[in-house]
Protein backbone atom coordinates (compact mmCIF):
# COMPACT_ATOMS: atom_id res chain seq x y z
CA MET A 1 104.77 87.59 102.47
CA ILE A 2 104.28 87.08 98.76
CA LYS A 3 100.94 85.38 98.09
CA GLU A 4 100.38 83.43 94.86
CA LYS A 5 96.71 84.33 94.57
CA LEU A 6 97.12 88.09 94.99
CA ARG A 7 97.51 88.89 91.31
CA GLU A 8 95.90 90.71 88.46
CA ARG A 9 93.36 88.93 86.31
CA LEU A 10 95.27 86.33 84.34
CA GLY A 11 95.37 86.84 80.61
CA VAL A 12 97.21 86.15 77.42
CA ARG A 13 99.66 89.00 77.91
CA THR A 14 103.08 87.88 79.08
CA CYS A 15 103.03 90.62 81.71
CA ASP A 16 100.30 88.59 83.45
CA GLN A 17 102.75 85.73 83.97
CA ARG A 18 104.61 85.93 87.24
CA SER A 19 108.32 85.54 87.64
CA SER A 20 109.79 82.27 88.85
CA ARG A 21 109.93 81.66 92.58
CA SER A 22 113.75 81.75 92.56
CA TRP A 23 113.77 85.08 90.66
CA ILE A 24 111.41 86.61 93.24
CA ALA A 25 113.51 85.25 96.14
CA GLU A 26 116.70 86.60 94.59
CA HIS A 27 115.35 90.08 93.87
CA TYR A 28 113.23 90.48 97.01
CA PRO A 29 115.19 88.63 99.72
CA SER A 30 113.53 90.47 102.62
CA PHE A 31 110.10 89.09 101.69
CA SER A 32 108.97 85.60 102.63
CA ILE A 33 107.19 83.52 100.01
CA GLU A 34 104.21 81.50 101.09
CA PRO A 35 104.60 77.71 101.36
CA GLY A 36 103.49 75.88 98.23
CA PHE A 37 104.50 78.74 95.91
CA ALA A 38 105.69 76.78 92.86
CA GLU A 39 108.88 77.57 90.97
CA GLU A 40 107.04 78.06 87.70
CA ASP A 41 103.69 79.81 87.22
CA ALA A 42 100.95 77.16 87.18
CA LEU A 43 98.05 79.62 86.94
CA TRP A 44 98.92 81.61 83.82
CA SER A 45 98.26 80.32 80.33
CA PRO A 46 99.42 82.00 77.09
CA ASP A 47 96.10 81.38 75.37
CA ARG A 48 93.37 81.87 77.96
CA TRP A 49 91.89 84.82 79.81
CA GLU A 50 90.71 84.27 83.37
CA THR A 51 87.08 85.25 83.71
CA ILE A 52 86.07 87.93 86.18
CA GLU A 53 84.18 85.25 88.11
CA GLU A 54 87.27 83.04 88.29
CA HIS A 55 89.36 86.00 89.49
CA THR A 56 86.78 86.69 92.21
CA VAL A 57 86.93 83.04 93.32
CA ARG A 58 90.72 83.26 93.49
CA SER A 59 90.51 86.47 95.53
CA THR A 60 87.98 84.87 97.86
CA GLU A 61 90.36 81.93 98.41
CA LEU A 62 93.17 84.41 99.12
CA LEU A 63 91.10 86.27 101.70
CA GLU A 64 89.99 83.00 103.36
CA ASP A 65 93.64 81.97 103.62
CA ILE A 66 94.61 85.31 105.15
CA PHE A 67 91.68 85.33 107.61
CA ASP A 68 92.40 81.72 108.64
CA GLY A 69 96.15 82.37 109.02
CA ASP A 70 98.23 83.99 111.68
CA TYR A 71 99.68 87.07 109.96
CA GLY A 72 99.66 89.45 112.91
CA ASP A 73 97.56 92.48 113.75
CA TYR A 74 98.08 94.43 110.55
CA ILE A 75 97.82 93.20 107.00
CA VAL A 76 98.60 95.27 103.93
CA LEU A 77 97.74 94.02 100.46
CA ALA A 78 99.70 95.68 97.65
CA ALA A 79 98.10 95.15 94.28
CA HIS A 80 97.03 96.79 91.03
CA SER A 81 93.49 98.00 90.33
CA GLY A 82 92.29 94.75 88.73
CA ALA A 83 93.20 92.73 91.81
CA ILE A 84 91.67 95.39 94.08
CA MET A 85 88.39 95.28 92.11
CA SER A 86 88.41 91.52 92.45
CA LEU A 87 88.96 91.75 96.20
CA LEU A 88 86.04 94.19 96.44
CA ALA A 89 83.86 91.79 94.48
CA ALA A 90 84.94 88.94 96.77
CA THR A 91 83.88 90.87 99.86
CA GLY A 92 80.61 92.14 98.38
């Protein structure tokens, strides 16, 4: 399942902007996309960096959603180092 909040720290680089929901669905049809995943990226801004603290809050919200959900016995999070560092900060 593709989760909106499992992302790198948001910044002014265009590579930090995610692809549209329909592009993701077209190119990765075997993956489900979480409910509420908007067509256009509502988190990214071309002129603002997300603080490390904000990224940690987002990662905490992601983990709370995962722990509260029913995703089965095994969960794998695939992410880059910035998101992994944020997840580690979120878990202390």
